[in-house]
Amino acid sequence: MKIQIKFWHKIVLTLAAFAVAIAGFMLRLPSGFSHSDKELHSLFYFLAAGFLNVLFAKKNIVIHAFIFALLYTFGWAIEYAQQYSNKFFSHRIHGNADPEDIHANLLGIIAFSAIWLCVVGLALIWKNITKKEGAESAIETKEK
């Protein structure tokens, strides 16, 4: 069963998810999570890549690459926004921009991309195999 979502619904859903993500990233993690900060960064970007690719890319490599670049840029922007927020607000709400966080973001996106490329590649191979089998059976039917 295929679920059809209108494009503007996808945009609204994406904007809402990113608004929540921005709000979440601008606040400091509770101290109980500070030991797994990098893992949480990777996990978020892995899930964000999955979310956006399921909504928009499906099997399109160009859209996938655009999403990859968009998420990586978003990661950079959030890190520097966190640092700027310390100057903007009268009290410190977050730490400084951390290159290790940006690296963790990238690892999450790369991990999803590796899985996505394998799945899409296998789907294309499967599609070609089933097309060949269908074509061969059609030829055999014509010959009889």
Foldseek 3Di string as FASTA:
>chain_A
DDDDDDPVNLVVVLVVVVVVVLVVLLAADDPVCPVPLLVVLLVVLLVNLVSCCVSPVVLPVVVSVVSLVVQLVVQQVSQCVSQVVCVVDPHRRYDHRDVSSSVSSNNSSVVNVVVSVVVSVVVVVVVVVVVVVVVVVVVVVVVD
